Amino acid sequence: MLYRRFGRTDLRMPIFSCGGMRFIHSWNNEFPLDEIPPESNANVEATVRRALELGINHFETSRGYGTSEKQLGLVLPKLPRDKIIVQTKVIPSADPDEFLAQCRDSIDRLHLDHVDLLAIHGLNNHEMLWWSICRGGCLAAARKLVDEGRARHIGFSTHGSPDVIQAAIDHDGDGGFDYMNLHWYYIRPQNATVIQAAAEADMGVFIISPSDKGGMLYSPPQKMRELCRPLDPLVFNCLYCLANPNVHTISIGAAKPSDFDLQLTTIPLLDRADELLTPIVERLQAAMVEALGRDVAERYAEGLPNWDVTPGCMNIQSILWLRGLALAYDMREFAENRYGLLGNGAHWFPGMNAAQIDDLDLNKALEKSPFKKQIPDWLRETHEMLYKGPQKLLSQSE
């Protein structure tokens, strides 16, 4: 395993982390521990111990990951505490006392006297950011846990837009944030600027879910396999992320012990990252240009308003992004899944789909786009191509 300094935390972080979202028994975090089948707990322990064998000593979970904290709480106390790095995450609240109580309860569920990393989970919009950074807010509450010795470093996780993330990076009240968890992959490059800003602020950078949110690359379409040869598409994405020296670790959301194996084949390739990545990126870019045309491929998002100021709250940027992935890379399953979340994904994937396109006047919203005449037809095409019914977030599955 390779390790990188996790920003100003000075933690020696493995470049792969063990994410605790997918080995859970239930998405209901009140599910009784004594009713969880023994085989589920045995799988969690086997997965954790396999991670340690591989040198992955960072375990990341959340209060929102159902029974994950409780099940990890059966395993982590058995491990040498000074050899593991443990992170949990708690969603912010308008009531910082409620947030603080939930943080304490989460740490107790892990059966640890402290966590190394505590993240405010889901700074996805300016309201949630304000709950966190306002005077006496959730960040100040989290710092109380540092003073008490129950947490060592405070960060945030986000599915939000770059302006929200940049505001969180820039905030220096109550000690600011020490690290961040966010999305950034080949297919979703928008956060490159905030990763650079985090490096300048000496913050740790953790990339969320490159296998799933990076394109459901555990089951890639054949076209992606061809475009990414000689690498598996998942290995390509891992290598792409880790080739950025400002990225310190990326998550493996393992459901079972063997789920680490493919991603870890990335490690011996890091010394050849430029050589391996360059021709693959060129093929991916060429495929997008062939599918959309160069001008559209490079400028489709130019001049588009945010979803919250668009008629019908339509998330035009995300819709056109998914259209491009489906047409260029045959990433239909991923695009259908994400498209179906529009209208159902709350602040995790906000905005509406294009179902109401013929009832809305988009002229003003599109006036700054170089493709204002074509976009309505693209939106209709995308809805017909991708809409297979509403989808649920994993946390809504029970």
Protein backbone atom coordinates (compact mmCIF):
# COMPACT_ATOMS: atom_id res chain seq x y z
CA MET A 1 0.00 0.00 0.00
CA LEU A 2 1.08 3.57 -0.66
CA TYR A 3 0.36 6.38 1.78
CA ARG A 4 0.01 10.14 1.42
CA ARG A 5 0.00 12.93 3.99
CA PHE A 6 -3.66 13.87 4.52
CA GLY A 7 -3.21 17.62 4.47
CA ARG A 8 -2.82 19.46 7.75
CA THR A 9 -4.16 16.50 9.72
CA ASP A 10 -0.68 14.99 9.15
CA LEU A 11 -2.30 11.57 9.10
CA ARG A 12 -0.50 8.97 7.00
CA MET A 13 -3.44 8.04 4.79
CA PRO A 14 -3.58 4.95 2.53
CA ILE A 15 -4.37 5.91 -1.05
CA PHE A 16 -7.34 3.52 -0.89
CA SER A 17 -9.89 3.71 1.93
CA CYS A 18 -12.46 1.18 3.05
CA GLY A 19 -15.89 2.77 2.66
CA GLY A 20 -18.57 1.37 4.94
CA MET A 21 -21.71 1.97 2.87
CA ARG A 22 -22.16 -1.35 1.08
CA PHE A 23 -21.49 -4.12 3.60
CA ILE A 24 -24.42 -3.13 5.80
CA HIS A 25 -27.39 -5.32 6.70
CA SER A 26 -30.05 -2.57 6.69
CA TRP A 27 -30.43 1.06 5.66
CA ASN A 28 -32.46 1.65 8.81
CA ASN A 29 -29.94 2.94 11.34
CA GLU A 30 -32.33 2.06 14.17
CA PHE A 31 -32.38 -1.61 13.14
CA PRO A 32 -31.68 -3.64 16.32
CA LEU A 33 -28.14 -4.94 16.45
CA ASP A 34 -29.24 -8.24 17.99
CA GLU A 35 -31.49 -8.91 14.99
CA ILE A 36 -28.71 -8.61 12.41
CA PRO A 37 -27.88 -12.09 11.05
CA PRO A 38 -24.51 -13.45 12.23
CA GLU A 39 -23.39 -13.95 8.62
CA SER A 40 -23.78 -10.22 7.94
CA ASN A 41 -21.58 -9.31 10.89
CA ALA A 42 -19.09 -12.00 9.88
CA ASN A 43 -18.89 -10.47 6.39
CA VAL A 44 -18.21 -7.00 7.85
CA GLU A 45 -15.42 -8.38 10.01
CA ALA A 46 -13.92 -10.36 7.14
CA THR A 47 -14.03 -7.27 4.90
CA VAL A 48 -12.36 -5.07 7.53
CA ARG A 49 -9.66 -7.64 8.24
CA ARG A 50 -8.99 -8.12 4.52
CA ALA A 51 -8.57 -4.35 4.17
CA LEU A 52 -6.00 -4.35 6.97
CA GLU A 53 -4.11 -7.23 5.36
CA LEU A 54 -3.82 -5.06 2.25
CA GLY A 55 -2.57 -2.05 4.22
CA ILE A 56 -5.90 -0.20 4.06
CA ASN A 57 -6.24 1.10 7.60
CA HIS A 58 -8.74 3.93 6.99
CA PHE A 59 -12.36 2.97 7.65
CA GLU A 60 -15.02 5.47 6.62
CA THR A 61 -18.69 5.33 7.55
CA SER A 62 -21.65 7.59 8.34
CA ARG A 63 -24.65 7.87 10.60
CA GLY A 64 -26.64 7.82 7.35
CA TYR A 65 -25.30 4.41 6.29
CA GLY A 66 -27.91 2.35 8.10
CA THR A 67 -26.39 -0.29 10.37
CA SER A 68 -22.81 0.43 9.24
CA GLU A 69 -21.71 2.20 12.44
CA LYS A 70 -23.24 -0.48 14.67
CA GLN A 71 -21.71 -3.33 12.70
CA LEU A 72 -18.30 -1.69 12.56
CA GLY A 73 -18.64 -1.16 16.31
CA LEU A 74 -18.44 -4.93 16.71
CA VAL A 75 -15.13 -5.10 14.84
CA LEU A 76 -13.10 -1.93 15.30
CA PRO A 77 -12.58 -2.28 19.08
CA LYS A 78 -10.83 -5.60 18.39
CA LEU A 79 -8.18 -3.83 16.29
CA PRO A 80 -5.06 -1.96 17.50
CA ARG A 81 -6.43 1.57 17.91
CA ASP A 82 -3.16 3.28 17.03
CA LYS A 83 -2.99 1.36 13.74
CA ILE A 84 -6.36 2.41 12.29
CA ILE A 85 -7.91 5.69 11.10
CA VAL A 86 -11.67 5.91 11.64
CA GLN A 87 -14.04 8.44 10.11
CA THR A 88 -17.75 8.91 10.55
CA LYS A 89 -20.06 11.59 9.20
CA VAL A 90 -23.17 13.31 10.55
CA ILE A 91 -25.63 15.48 8.60
CA PRO A 92 -25.79 19.10 9.83
CA SER A 93 -28.85 20.52 11.50
CA ALA A 94 -30.28 23.96 12.13
CA ASP A 95 -30.00 22.92 15.80
CA PRO A 96 -26.29 22.42 16.64
CA ASP A 97 -27.21 20.72 19.93
CA GLU A 98 -29.09 18.05 17.98
CA PHE A 99 -26.10 17.65 15.67
CA LEU A 100 -23.74 17.34 18.65
CA ALA A 101 -25.92 14.69 20.29
CA GLN A 102 -25.97 12.69 17.06
CA CYS A 103 -22.18 12.91 16.76
CA ARG A 104 -21.73 11.58 20.28
CA ASP A 105 -24.19 8.78 19.60
CA SER A 106 -22.38 7.84 16.38
CA ILE A 107 -19.03 7.61 18.17
CA ASP A 108 -20.68 5.48 20.85
CA ARG A 109 -22.12 3.17 18.18
CA LEU A 110 -18.57 2.58 16.95
CA HIS A 111 -17.57 1.62 20.52
CA LEU A 112 -14.54 3.90 20.32
CA ASP A 113 -13.44 6.61 22.70
CA HIS A 114 -12.74 8.87 19.72
CA VAL A 115 -12.79 9.07 15.94
CA ASP A 116 -9.81 10.37 14.02
CA LEU A 117 -11.95 12.14 11.43
CA LEU A 118 -15.42 13.60 11.91
CA ALA A 119 -17.14 15.08 8.86
CA ILE A 120 -20.18 17.28 8.61
CA HIS A 121 -22.02 15.17 6.08
CA GLY A 122 -23.60 16.66 3.00
CA LEU A 123 -22.69 20.33 2.68
CA ASN A 124 -24.69 20.23 -0.53
CA ASN A 125 -26.16 23.72 -0.60
CA HIS A 126 -25.73 27.12 1.00
CA GLU A 127 -28.34 26.45 3.68
CA MET A 128 -26.52 23.38 4.98
CA LEU A 129 -23.24 25.25 4.76
CA TRP A 130 -24.73 28.09 6.82
CA TRP A 131 -26.01 25.70 9.48
CA SER A 132 -22.41 24.54 9.76
CA ILE A 133 -20.38 27.75 9.70
CA CYS A 134 -22.70 30.28 11.34
CA ARG A 135 -21.73 31.48 14.79
CA GLY A 136 -22.34 28.66 17.24
CA GLY A 137 -23.26 26.29 14.38
CA CYS A 138 -22.39 22.67 13.68
CA LEU A 139 -18.71 23.34 13.01
CA ALA A 140 -18.37 25.01 16.42
CA ALA A 141 -20.21 22.04 17.95
CA ALA A 142 -17.84 19.61 16.23
CA ARG A 143 -14.87 21.52 17.62
CA LYS A 144 -16.25 20.88 21.11
CA LEU A 145 -15.71 17.19 20.44
CA VAL A 146 -12.08 17.92 19.53
CA ASP A 147 -11.68 19.76 22.84
CA GLU A 148 -13.22 16.76 24.63
CA GLY A 149 -10.86 14.34 22.85
CA ARG A 150 -13.71 12.54 21.08
CA ALA A 151 -12.64 13.67 17.59
CA ARG A 152 -9.22 14.61 16.26
CA HIS A 153 -9.93 16.42 12.98
CA ILE A 154 -13.04 18.02 11.46
CA GLY A 155 -13.95 17.97 7.78
CA PHE A 156 -16.95 17.99 5.51
CA SER A 157 -18.41 15.82 2.76
CA THR A 158 -20.26 17.29 -0.18
CA HIS A 159 -22.26 16.53 -3.30
CA GLY A 160 -22.61 20.26 -3.85
CA SER A 161 -21.57 22.70 -6.54
CA PRO A 162 -18.06 24.20 -6.68
CA ASP A 163 -19.22 27.56 -5.27
CA VAL A 164 -20.55 25.87 -2.10
CA ILE A 165 -17.36 23.81 -1.75
CA GLN A 166 -15.13 26.84 -2.27
CA ALA A 167 -17.03 28.75 0.43
CA ALA A 168 -16.43 25.89 2.86
CA ILE A 169 -12.72 25.78 2.00
CA ASP A 170 -12.42 29.53 2.50
CA HIS A 171 -14.14 29.55 5.89
CA ASP A 172 -11.63 29.95 8.71
CA GLY A 173 -13.89 30.49 11.71
CA ASP A 174 -13.90 27.86 14.49
CA GLY A 175 -10.68 26.44 13.06
CA GLY A 176 -12.13 25.92 9.59
CA PHE A 177 -12.22 22.48 7.99
CA ASP A 178 -9.23 20.14 7.97
CA TYR A 179 -10.28 17.94 5.06
CA MET A 180 -13.07 17.24 2.59
CA ASN A 181 -14.81 14.30 0.91
CA LEU A 182 -16.10 15.06 -2.58
CA HIS A 183 -16.79 13.71 -6.08
CA TRP A 184 -14.20 14.08 -8.84
CA TYR A 185 -13.56 11.60 -11.67
CA TYR A 186 -12.88 11.54 -15.37
CA ILE A 187 -16.58 11.80 -16.20
CA ARG A 188 -17.16 14.52 -13.58
CA PRO A 189 -14.25 16.99 -13.72
CA GLN A 190 -16.03 20.09 -12.37
CA ASN A 191 -14.39 19.95 -8.93
CA ALA A 192 -10.82 20.20 -10.20
CA THR A 193 -10.58 23.85 -9.17
CA VAL A 194 -11.71 23.23 -5.58
CA ILE A 195 -9.28 20.32 -5.23
CA GLN A 196 -6.51 22.75 -6.15
CA ALA A 197 -7.91 25.26 -3.64
CA ALA A 198 -7.91 22.57 -0.96
CA ALA A 199 -4.26 21.82 -1.70
CA GLU A 200 -3.40 25.50 -1.28
CA ALA A 201 -5.23 25.43 2.07
CA ASP A 202 -3.36 22.23 3.06
CA MET A 203 -6.58 20.25 3.40
CA GLY A 204 -6.93 16.50 3.07
CA VAL A 205 -8.82 15.35 -0.04
CA PHE A 206 -10.88 12.15 -0.10
CA ILE A 207 -12.63 11.10 -3.34
CA ILE A 208 -16.06 9.52 -2.84
CA SER A 209 -17.14 6.37 -4.69
CA PRO A 210 -15.08 6.29 -7.91
CA SER A 211 -16.54 2.88 -8.73
CA ASP A 212 -20.25 3.76 -8.46
CA LYS A 213 -20.66 7.53 -8.80
CA GLY A 214 -17.75 7.48 -11.23
CA GLY A 215 -19.95 5.62 -13.70
CA MET A 216 -21.03 2.27 -12.17
CA LEU A 217 -17.67 0.98 -13.35
CA TYR A 218 -17.97 -2.32 -11.52
CA SER A 219 -20.18 -3.30 -14.51
CA PRO A 220 -19.01 -1.06 -17.36
CA PRO A 221 -20.53 -1.13 -20.86
CA GLN A 222 -18.51 -2.85 -23.54
CA LYS A 223 -17.74 0.46 -25.24
CA MET A 224 -16.05 1.75 -22.08
CA ARG A 225 -14.01 -1.44 -21.90
CA GLU A 226 -12.82 -0.85 -25.46
CA LEU A 227 -12.06 2.84 -24.91
CA CYS A 228 -10.10 2.18 -21.71
CA ARG A 229 -7.98 -0.74 -22.96
CA PRO A 230 -5.52 -2.03 -21.84
CA LEU A 231 -6.95 -1.03 -18.45
CA ASP A 232 -10.23 -2.04 -16.90
CA PRO A 233 -12.44 1.09 -16.79
CA LEU A 234 -12.46 0.99 -12.99
CA VAL A 235 -8.67 0.80 -12.85
CA PHE A 236 -8.48 3.66 -15.36
CA ASN A 237 -10.69 5.82 -13.13
CA CYS A 238 -8.69 4.99 -10.01
CA LEU A 239 -5.45 5.78 -11.80
CA TYR A 240 -6.90 9.02 -13.17
CA CYS A 241 -7.86 10.15 -9.66
CA LEU A 242 -4.64 9.08 -7.95
CA ALA A 243 -2.44 10.62 -10.64
CA ASN A 244 -3.49 13.95 -9.15
CA PRO A 245 -1.03 14.52 -6.27
CA ASN A 246 -3.60 16.70 -4.49
CA VAL A 247 -5.87 13.66 -4.09
CA HIS A 248 -4.83 11.73 -1.00
CA THR A 249 -7.23 8.78 -0.89
CA ILE A 250 -10.13 7.29 -2.84
CA SER A 251 -12.88 5.11 -1.47
CA ILE A 252 -13.48 1.44 -2.18
CA GLY A 253 -17.07 0.75 -1.21
CA ALA A 254 -16.51 -2.91 -0.52
CA ALA A 255 -19.48 -5.22 0.00
CA LYS A 256 -17.27 -8.27 0.57
CA PRO A 257 -13.56 -9.03 1.07
CA SER A 258 -12.78 -9.66 -2.61
CA ASP A 259 -14.05 -6.21 -3.67
CA PHE A 260 -10.64 -4.64 -3.04
CA ASP A 261 -8.76 -6.78 -5.52
CA LEU A 262 -9.36 -5.05 -8.84
CA GLN A 263 -8.81 -1.48 -7.62
CA LEU A 264 -5.54 -2.38 -5.93
CA THR A 265 -4.05 -3.42 -9.27
CA THR A 266 -3.81 0.35 -9.81
CA ILE A 267 -0.91 0.73 -7.38
CA PRO A 268 1.94 -0.65 -9.51
CA LEU A 269 0.72 1.48 -12.42
CA LEU A 270 1.14 4.84 -10.71
CA ASP A 271 4.72 5.30 -11.89
CA ARG A 272 3.44 4.98 -15.48
CA ALA A 273 0.30 7.06 -15.04
CA ASP A 274 0.98 9.62 -17.78
CA GLU A 275 1.99 6.94 -20.28
CA LEU A 276 -1.14 4.87 -19.59
CA LEU A 277 -3.69 7.64 -19.17
CA THR A 278 -2.86 9.84 -22.15
CA PRO A 279 -4.03 7.52 -24.98
CA ILE A 280 -7.16 6.51 -23.03
CA VAL A 281 -8.14 10.11 -22.37
CA GLU A 282 -7.57 10.92 -26.03
CA ARG A 283 -9.89 8.06 -27.08
CA LEU A 284 -12.56 9.12 -24.57
CA GLN A 285 -12.40 12.70 -25.78
CA ALA A 286 -12.59 11.59 -29.40
CA ALA A 287 -15.64 9.43 -28.66
CA MET A 288 -17.42 12.37 -27.05
CA VAL A 289 -16.60 14.62 -30.01
CA GLU A 290 -17.80 11.95 -32.45
CA ALA A 291 -21.09 11.59 -30.57
CA LEU A 292 -21.85 15.28 -29.96
CA GLY A 293 -19.61 17.35 -32.20
CA ARG A 294 -16.56 19.21 -30.88
CA ASP A 295 -18.34 22.46 -30.08
CA VAL A 296 -21.06 20.75 -28.06
CA ALA A 297 -18.65 18.36 -26.34
CA GLU A 298 -16.52 21.24 -25.11
CA ARG A 299 -19.18 23.91 -24.45
CA TYR A 300 -22.54 22.22 -23.70
CA ALA A 301 -22.72 23.71 -20.17
CA GLU A 302 -21.71 27.22 -21.21
CA GLY A 303 -24.20 29.89 -20.17
CA LEU A 304 -26.64 27.50 -18.51
CA PRO A 305 -28.29 28.66 -15.28
CA ASN A 306 -28.30 26.68 -12.05
CA TRP A 307 -31.30 24.41 -11.58
CA ASP A 308 -32.79 26.55 -8.79
CA VAL A 309 -33.26 29.56 -11.08
CA THR A 310 -34.47 27.56 -14.10
CA PRO A 311 -38.20 27.28 -14.90
CA GLY A 312 -39.58 24.14 -13.32
CA CYS A 313 -36.27 23.76 -11.41
CA MET A 314 -35.05 21.70 -14.37
CA ASN A 315 -31.42 20.63 -13.93
CA ILE A 316 -30.41 21.25 -17.54
CA GLN A 317 -26.67 20.93 -16.87
CA SER A 318 -27.02 17.45 -15.37
CA ILE A 319 -29.47 16.33 -18.04
CA LEU A 320 -27.10 17.28 -20.86
CA TRP A 321 -24.16 15.73 -18.99
CA LEU A 322 -26.02 12.41 -18.75
CA ARG A 323 -27.03 12.67 -22.42
CA GLY A 324 -23.38 12.94 -23.40
CA LEU A 325 -22.35 9.92 -21.31
CA ALA A 326 -25.12 7.79 -22.80
CA LEU A 327 -24.40 8.77 -26.41
CA ALA A 328 -20.60 8.77 -26.27
CA TYR A 329 -19.82 5.88 -23.93
CA ASP A 330 -23.03 3.78 -23.91
CA MET A 331 -23.29 4.46 -20.17
CA ARG A 332 -27.07 3.95 -20.33
CA GLU A 333 -27.55 2.16 -17.00
CA PHE A 334 -25.66 4.84 -15.08
CA ALA A 335 -27.37 7.67 -16.98
CA GLU A 336 -30.83 6.13 -16.47
CA ASN A 337 -30.19 5.71 -12.76
CA ARG A 338 -29.01 9.28 -12.25
CA TYR A 339 -31.70 10.74 -14.51
CA GLY A 340 -34.35 8.91 -12.50
CA LEU A 341 -33.06 10.59 -9.35
CA LEU A 342 -33.93 14.04 -10.66
CA GLY A 343 -36.99 15.03 -8.67
CA ASN A 344 -36.25 12.33 -6.09
CA GLY A 345 -32.64 12.91 -5.05
CA ALA A 346 -33.27 15.87 -2.71
CA HIS A 347 -30.11 17.92 -2.09
CA TRP A 348 -27.90 14.92 -2.95
CA PHE A 349 -28.83 15.18 -6.66
CA PRO A 350 -31.08 18.22 -6.98
CA GLY A 351 -33.43 19.58 -9.59
CA MET A 352 -36.06 18.11 -11.88
CA ASN A 353 -35.94 16.13 -15.10
CA ALA A 354 -37.28 17.25 -18.49
CA ALA A 355 -40.76 15.75 -18.21
CA GLN A 356 -42.41 19.20 -18.28
CA ILE A 357 -40.33 20.57 -21.15
CA ASP A 358 -43.37 21.40 -23.30
CA ASP A 359 -45.08 23.31 -20.47
CA LEU A 360 -42.14 25.61 -19.73
CA ASP A 361 -40.75 28.72 -21.37
CA LEU A 362 -36.97 28.27 -21.35
CA ASN A 363 -36.13 31.18 -23.65
CA LYS A 364 -34.77 33.45 -20.91
CA ALA A 365 -32.99 30.60 -19.11
CA LEU A 366 -31.18 29.63 -22.32
CA GLU A 367 -30.45 33.10 -23.67
CA LYS A 368 -26.72 32.90 -22.78
CA SER A 369 -26.20 29.42 -24.18
CA PRO A 370 -24.57 29.03 -27.61
CA PHE A 371 -26.99 26.12 -28.15
CA LYS A 372 -30.23 27.78 -27.06
CA LYS A 373 -32.08 26.66 -30.18
CA GLN A 374 -31.03 23.02 -29.94
CA ILE A 375 -31.30 22.42 -26.20
CA PRO A 376 -35.10 21.98 -25.98
CA ASP A 377 -34.91 19.15 -28.52
CA TRP A 378 -31.95 17.62 -26.67
CA LEU A 379 -33.95 17.71 -23.44
CA ARG A 380 -36.91 15.94 -25.07
CA GLU A 381 -34.57 13.37 -26.60
CA THR A 382 -32.87 12.73 -23.27
CA HIS A 383 -36.12 12.27 -21.38
CA GLU A 384 -37.34 9.75 -23.95
CA MET A 385 -33.99 7.95 -23.93
CA LEU A 386 -33.28 7.81 -20.19
CA TYR A 387 -36.48 8.02 -18.18
CA LYS A 388 -37.43 4.58 -16.88
CA GLY A 389 -39.34 5.78 -13.83
CA PRO A 390 -38.29 7.45 -10.59
CA GLN A 391 -35.19 6.11 -8.83
CA LYS A 392 -34.39 6.12 -5.12
CA LEU A 393 -31.21 6.97 -3.28
CA LEU A 394 -29.70 3.91 -1.62
CA SER A 395 -30.57 5.40 1.77
CA GLN A 396 -34.24 5.48 0.69
CA SER A 397 -34.31 1.78 -0.17
CA GLU A 398 -36.03 0.77 3.08
